[in-house]
């Protein structure tokens, strides 16, 4: 049950904010410079004064989150792999719960472990940004995906074999004394 829930959360997390986008110091300086150039070229002195005033405030947004992007938007191939892992883990977990297919906990744990490795890779090695004007940092969606992948792997290792009851497996109930 936990692995199925983890798989569903992992799939949903692909569309949640994985990375925060923030402006770097060089990005703020470049924006200020471009605003001054446009105001000088196309504006009167009043517009130039307003542009200088607005441009002076650009340094206050350095390092602050300006937007977020999801794994689906940034990680085209890896998001497909994670969605596939989540789908297979969900299907295996549900079929196991229904007793239709006897997927072992080890198989489900393997899917979860692969998902954990993929998520950790992209958390510690975010996609490269082609410019030094912005930076990416992991956001809450990546952490949720990591938790969901760990839940799949952990539940796969923890789940009891099909057909045994939870009470018998944990407390030894149902075992005849010798």
C-alpha atoms as a PDB file:
ATOM      1  CA  UNK A   1       0.000   0.000   0.000  1.00  0.00           C
ATOM      2  CA  UNK A   2       2.800   2.398   0.908  1.00  0.00           C
ATOM      3  CA  UNK A   3       4.700   1.607  -2.286  1.00  0.00           C
ATOM      4  CA  UNK A   4       1.585   2.324  -4.363  1.00  0.00           C
ATOM      5  CA  UNK A   5       1.075   5.633  -2.600  1.00  0.00           C
ATOM      6  CA  UNK A   6       4.764   6.498  -3.040  1.00  0.00           C
ATOM      7  CA  UNK A   7       4.569   5.671  -6.748  1.00  0.00           C
ATOM      8  CA  UNK A   8       1.534   7.924  -7.207  1.00  0.00           C
ATOM      9  CA  UNK A   9       3.232  10.785  -5.348  1.00  0.00           C
ATOM     10  CA  UNK A  10       6.403  10.310  -7.418  1.00  0.00           C
ATOM     11  CA  UNK A  11       4.402  10.571 -10.640  1.00  0.00           C
ATOM     12  CA  UNK A  12       2.598  13.719  -9.468  1.00  0.00           C
ATOM     13  CA  UNK A  13       5.863  15.303  -8.288  1.00  0.00           C
ATOM     14  CA  UNK A  14       7.141  15.440 -11.880  1.00  0.00           C
ATOM     15  CA  UNK A  15       4.743  18.327 -12.439  1.00  0.00           C
ATOM     16  CA  UNK A  16       5.513  20.198  -9.196  1.00  0.00           C
ATOM     17  CA  UNK A  17       8.292  22.788  -8.700  1.00  0.00           C
ATOM     18  CA  UNK A  18      11.622  20.962  -8.739  1.00  0.00           C
ATOM     19  CA  UNK A  19      13.907  23.948  -9.161  1.00  0.00           C
ATOM     20  CA  UNK A  20      13.798  27.545  -7.998  1.00  0.00           C
ATOM     21  CA  UNK A  21      15.080  30.043 -10.531  1.00  0.00           C
ATOM     22  CA  UNK A  22      16.868  33.074  -9.127  1.00  0.00           C
ATOM     23  CA  UNK A  23      18.785  35.986 -10.606  1.00  0.00           C
ATOM     24  CA  UNK A  24      22.530  36.125 -10.061  1.00  0.00           C
ATOM     25  CA  UNK A  25      24.482  39.321  -9.384  1.00  0.00           C
ATOM     26  CA  UNK A  26      25.696  39.394 -12.981  1.00  0.00           C
ATOM     27  CA  UNK A  27      22.097  38.890 -14.153  1.00  0.00           C
ATOM     28  CA  UNK A  28      20.903  41.883 -12.136  1.00  0.00           C
ATOM     29  CA  UNK A  29      23.784  44.009 -13.450  1.00  0.00           C
ATOM     30  CA  UNK A  30      23.026  42.987 -17.049  1.00  0.00           C
ATOM     31  CA  UNK A  31      19.316  43.774 -16.628  1.00  0.00           C
ATOM     32  CA  UNK A  32      20.154  47.163 -15.123  1.00  0.00           C
ATOM     33  CA  UNK A  33      22.540  47.916 -17.982  1.00  0.00           C
ATOM     34  CA  UNK A  34      20.015  46.906 -20.661  1.00  0.00           C
ATOM     35  CA  UNK A  35      17.268  48.994 -19.053  1.00  0.00           C
ATOM     36  CA  UNK A  36      19.570  52.024 -18.989  1.00  0.00           C
ATOM     37  CA  UNK A  37      20.477  51.511 -22.661  1.00  0.00           C
ATOM     38  CA  UNK A  38      16.818  51.277 -23.724  1.00  0.00           C
ATOM     39  CA  UNK A  39      15.828  54.306 -21.646  1.00  0.00           C
ATOM     40  CA  UNK A  40      18.707  56.349 -23.044  1.00  0.00           C
ATOM     41  CA  UNK A  41      17.982  55.340 -26.610  1.00  0.00           C
ATOM     42  CA  UNK A  42      14.193  55.708 -26.618  1.00  0.00           C
ATOM     43  CA  UNK A  43      13.243  57.874 -23.692  1.00  0.00           C
ATOM     44  CA  UNK A  44      13.310  61.406 -22.468  1.00  0.00           C
ATOM     45  CA  UNK A  45      15.015  62.531 -19.263  1.00  0.00           C
ATOM     46  CA  UNK A  46      11.996  61.610 -17.134  1.00  0.00           C
ATOM     47  CA  UNK A  47      11.998  58.028 -18.466  1.00  0.00           C
ATOM     48  CA  UNK A  48      15.750  57.814 -17.959  1.00  0.00           C
ATOM     49  CA  UNK A  49      15.395  58.921 -14.341  1.00  0.00           C
ATOM     50  CA  UNK A  50      12.654  56.323 -13.763  1.00  0.00           C
ATOM     51  CA  UNK A  51      14.771  53.626 -15.433  1.00  0.00           C
ATOM     52  CA  UNK A  52      17.732  54.478 -13.193  1.00  0.00           C
ATOM     53  CA  UNK A  53      15.483  54.296 -10.126  1.00  0.00           C
ATOM     54  CA  UNK A  54      14.025  50.937 -11.169  1.00  0.00           C
ATOM     55  CA  UNK A  55      17.456  49.626 -12.170  1.00  0.00           C
ATOM     56  CA  UNK A  56      18.865  50.490  -8.757  1.00  0.00           C
ATOM     57  CA  UNK A  57      16.345  48.080  -7.232  1.00  0.00           C
ATOM     58  CA  UNK A  58      17.519  45.141  -9.343  1.00  0.00           C
ATOM     59  CA  UNK A  59      20.271  44.331  -6.864  1.00  0.00           C
ATOM     60  CA  UNK A  60      17.614  43.608  -4.225  1.00  0.00           C
ATOM     61  CA  UNK A  61      16.323  40.600  -6.204  1.00  0.00           C
ATOM     62  CA  UNK A  62      19.705  38.866  -6.413  1.00  0.00           C
ATOM     63  CA  UNK A  63      19.410  35.377  -4.969  1.00  0.00           C
ATOM     64  CA  UNK A  64      15.645  35.556  -4.519  1.00  0.00           C
ATOM     65  CA  UNK A  65      13.362  33.059  -6.196  1.00  0.00           C
ATOM     66  CA  UNK A  66      11.661  34.624  -9.198  1.00  0.00           C
ATOM     67  CA  UNK A  67       9.961  31.508 -10.555  1.00  0.00           C
ATOM     68  CA  UNK A  68      10.035  27.721 -10.422  1.00  0.00           C
ATOM     69  CA  UNK A  69      10.264  24.992 -13.035  1.00  0.00           C
ATOM     70  CA  UNK A  70       9.066  21.402 -12.839  1.00  0.00           C
ATOM     71  CA  UNK A  71      10.978  18.235 -13.657  1.00  0.00           C
ATOM     72  CA  UNK A  72       8.694  17.780 -16.653  1.00  0.00           C
ATOM     73  CA  UNK A  73       9.737  21.184 -18.021  1.00  0.00           C
ATOM     74  CA  UNK A  74      13.476  20.814 -17.474  1.00  0.00           C
ATOM     75  CA  UNK A  75      14.280  17.105 -17.351  1.00  0.00           C
ATOM     76  CA  UNK A  76      12.675  15.775 -20.506  1.00  0.00           C
ATOM     77  CA  UNK A  77      14.341  12.322 -20.595  1.00  0.00           C
ATOM     78  CA  UNK A  78      14.736  11.806 -16.868  1.00  0.00           C
ATOM     79  CA  UNK A  79      11.156  12.818 -16.130  1.00  0.00           C
ATOM     80  CA  UNK A  80       9.988  10.163 -18.603  1.00  0.00           C
ATOM     81  CA  UNK A  81      12.200   7.571 -16.880  1.00  0.00           C
ATOM     82  CA  UNK A  82      10.859   8.569 -13.450  1.00  0.00           C
ATOM     83  CA  UNK A  83       7.269   8.460 -14.717  1.00  0.00           C
ATOM     84  CA  UNK A  84       7.922   4.997 -16.132  1.00  0.00           C
ATOM     85  CA  UNK A  85       9.452   3.796 -12.855  1.00  0.00           C
ATOM     86  CA  UNK A  86       6.515   5.251 -10.917  1.00  0.00           C
ATOM     87  CA  UNK A  87       3.986   3.656 -13.263  1.00  0.00           C
ATOM     88  CA  UNK A  88       5.572   0.214 -13.104  1.00  0.00           C
ATOM     89  CA  UNK A  89       5.925   0.427  -9.308  1.00  0.00           C
ATOM     90  CA  UNK A  90       2.288   1.520  -8.978  1.00  0.00           C
ATOM     91  CA  UNK A  91       1.072  -1.257 -11.243  1.00  0.00           C
ATOM     92  CA  UNK A  92       3.183  -3.912  -9.500  1.00  0.00           C
ATOM     93  CA  UNK A  93       2.085  -2.709  -6.067  1.00  0.00           C
ATOM     94  CA  UNK A  94      -1.607  -2.662  -6.957  1.00  0.00           C
ATOM     95  CA  UNK A  95      -1.472  -6.047  -8.660  1.00  0.00           C
ATOM     96  CA  UNK A  96       0.340  -7.421  -5.634  1.00  0.00           C
ATOM     97  CA  UNK A  97      -2.315  -5.988  -3.299  1.00  0.00           C
ATOM     98  CA  UNK A  98      -5.062  -7.512  -5.430  1.00  0.00           C
ATOM     99  CA  UNK A  99      -3.283 -10.861  -5.422  1.00  0.00           C
ATOM    100  CA  UNK A 100      -3.297 -10.996  -9.224  1.00  0.00           C
ATOM    101  CA  UNK A 101       0.461 -10.825  -9.719  1.00  0.00           C
ATOM    102  CA  UNK A 102       3.062 -11.890  -7.235  1.00  0.00           C
ATOM    103  CA  UNK A 103       5.626  -9.123  -7.593  1.00  0.00           C
ATOM    104  CA  UNK A 104       8.212  -9.562  -4.909  1.00  0.00           C
ATOM    105  CA  UNK A 105       9.016  -6.793  -2.496  1.00  0.00           C
ATOM    106  CA  UNK A 106      12.552  -6.903  -3.876  1.00  0.00           C
ATOM    107  CA  UNK A 107      11.332  -6.059  -7.370  1.00  0.00           C
ATOM    108  CA  UNK A 108       9.382  -3.082  -6.056  1.00  0.00           C
ATOM    109  CA  UNK A 109      12.358  -2.033  -3.937  1.00  0.00           C
ATOM    110  CA  UNK A 110      14.569  -2.185  -7.039  1.00  0.00           C
ATOM    111  CA  UNK A 111      12.236   0.194  -8.873  1.00  0.00           C
ATOM    112  CA  UNK A 112      12.230   2.543  -5.875  1.00  0.00           C
ATOM    113  CA  UNK A 113      16.023   2.401  -5.574  1.00  0.00           C
ATOM    114  CA  UNK A 114      16.424   3.293  -9.246  1.00  0.00           C
ATOM    115  CA  UNK A 115      14.069   6.240  -8.718  1.00  0.00           C
ATOM    116  CA  UNK A 116      16.038   7.348  -5.632  1.00  0.00           C
ATOM    117  CA  UNK A 117      19.272   7.339  -7.640  1.00  0.00           C
ATOM    118  CA  UNK A 118      17.701   9.336 -10.490  1.00  0.00           C
ATOM    119  CA  UNK A 119      16.256  11.946  -8.127  1.00  0.00           C
ATOM    120  CA  UNK A 120      19.483  12.275  -6.118  1.00  0.00           C
ATOM    121  CA  UNK A 121      21.476  12.660  -9.341  1.00  0.00           C
ATOM    122  CA  UNK A 122      19.350  15.615 -10.426  1.00  0.00           C
ATOM    123  CA  UNK A 123      19.282  17.162  -6.970  1.00  0.00           C
ATOM    124  CA  UNK A 124      23.074  17.208  -6.724  1.00  0.00           C
ATOM    125  CA  UNK A 125      23.636  17.836 -10.429  1.00  0.00           C
ATOM    126  CA  UNK A 126      20.907  20.224 -11.601  1.00  0.00           C
ATOM    127  CA  UNK A 127      20.514  20.861 -15.320  1.00  0.00           C
ATOM    128  CA  UNK A 128      23.118  23.231 -16.678  1.00  0.00           C
ATOM    129  CA  UNK A 129      22.081  26.798 -17.285  1.00  0.00           C
ATOM    130  CA  UNK A 130      23.504  28.261 -20.486  1.00  0.00           C
ATOM    131  CA  UNK A 131      24.033  31.642 -18.947  1.00  0.00           C
ATOM    132  CA  UNK A 132      25.404  33.019 -15.716  1.00  0.00           C
ATOM    133  CA  UNK A 133      22.443  35.404 -15.403  1.00  0.00           C
ATOM    134  CA  UNK A 134      20.246  32.935 -13.495  1.00  0.00           C
ATOM    135  CA  UNK A 135      20.798  29.977 -11.167  1.00  0.00           C
ATOM    136  CA  UNK A 136      18.805  26.858 -10.302  1.00  0.00           C
ATOM    137  CA  UNK A 137      18.445  25.329  -6.846  1.00  0.00           C
ATOM    138  CA  UNK A 138      16.343  22.341  -5.725  1.00  0.00           C
ATOM    139  CA  UNK A 139      12.808  23.192  -4.632  1.00  0.00           C
ATOM    140  CA  UNK A 140      10.232  21.310  -2.595  1.00  0.00           C
ATOM    141  CA  UNK A 141       9.006  19.149  -5.505  1.00  0.00           C
ATOM    142  CA  UNK A 142      12.408  17.470  -5.776  1.00  0.00           C
ATOM    143  CA  UNK A 143      12.370  16.724  -2.053  1.00  0.00           C
ATOM    144  CA  UNK A 144       8.861  15.291  -2.355  1.00  0.00           C
ATOM    145  CA  UNK A 145      10.009  13.084  -5.236  1.00  0.00           C
ATOM    146  CA  UNK A 146      12.938  11.882  -3.153  1.00  0.00           C
ATOM    147  CA  UNK A 147      10.641  11.036  -0.250  1.00  0.00           C
ATOM    148  CA  UNK A 148       8.242   9.206  -2.566  1.00  0.00           C
ATOM    149  CA  UNK A 149      11.070   7.197  -4.147  1.00  0.00           C
ATOM    150  CA  UNK A 150      12.407   6.282  -0.700  1.00  0.00           C
ATOM    151  CA  UNK A 151       8.871   5.228   0.293  1.00  0.00           C
ATOM    152  CA  UNK A 152       8.667   2.917  -2.731  1.00  0.00           C
ATOM    153  CA  UNK A 153      12.049   1.358  -1.990  1.00  0.00           C
ATOM    154  CA  UNK A 154      11.461   1.086   1.744  1.00  0.00           C
ATOM    155  CA  UNK A 155       7.966  -0.334   1.390  1.00  0.00           C
ATOM    156  CA  UNK A 156       9.206  -2.859  -1.152  1.00  0.00           C
ATOM    157  CA  UNK A 157      11.742  -4.108   1.372  1.00  0.00           C
ATOM    158  CA  UNK A 158       9.313  -3.931   4.284  1.00  0.00           C
ATOM    159  CA  UNK A 159       6.169  -5.405   2.745  1.00  0.00           C
ATOM    160  CA  UNK A 160       5.295  -8.918   3.730  1.00  0.00           C
ATOM    161  CA  UNK A 161       5.007 -11.706   1.181  1.00  0.00           C
ATOM    162  CA  UNK A 162       1.565 -11.989  -0.453  1.00  0.00           C
ATOM    163  CA  UNK A 163      -0.868 -14.173   1.471  1.00  0.00           C
ATOM    164  CA  UNK A 164       0.563 -13.591   4.936  1.00  0.00           C
ATOM    165  CA  UNK A 165      -1.226 -11.337   7.354  1.00  0.00           C
ATOM    166  CA  UNK A 166       0.394  -8.354   8.927  1.00  0.00           C
ATOM    167  CA  UNK A 167      -0.283  -9.594  12.441  1.00  0.00           C
ATOM    168  CA  UNK A 168       1.258 -13.016  11.829  1.00  0.00           C
ATOM    169  CA  UNK A 169       4.363 -11.558  10.258  1.00  0.00           C
ATOM    170  CA  UNK A 170       5.147  -9.051  12.993  1.00  0.00           C
ATOM    171  CA  UNK A 171       4.086 -10.599  16.286  1.00  0.00           C
ATOM    172  CA  UNK A 172       4.481 -14.264  15.525  1.00  0.00           C
ATOM    173  CA  UNK A 173       0.728 -14.812  16.054  1.00  0.00           C
ATOM    174  CA  UNK A 174      -0.529 -17.952  14.429  1.00  0.00           C
ATOM    175  CA  UNK A 175       2.699 -19.815  15.073  1.00  0.00           C
ATOM    176  CA  UNK A 176       2.044 -22.943  17.018  1.00  0.00           C
ATOM    177  CA  UNK A 177       4.130 -23.401  20.147  1.00  0.00           C
ATOM    178  CA  UNK A 178       6.511 -26.315  20.171  1.00  0.00           C
END
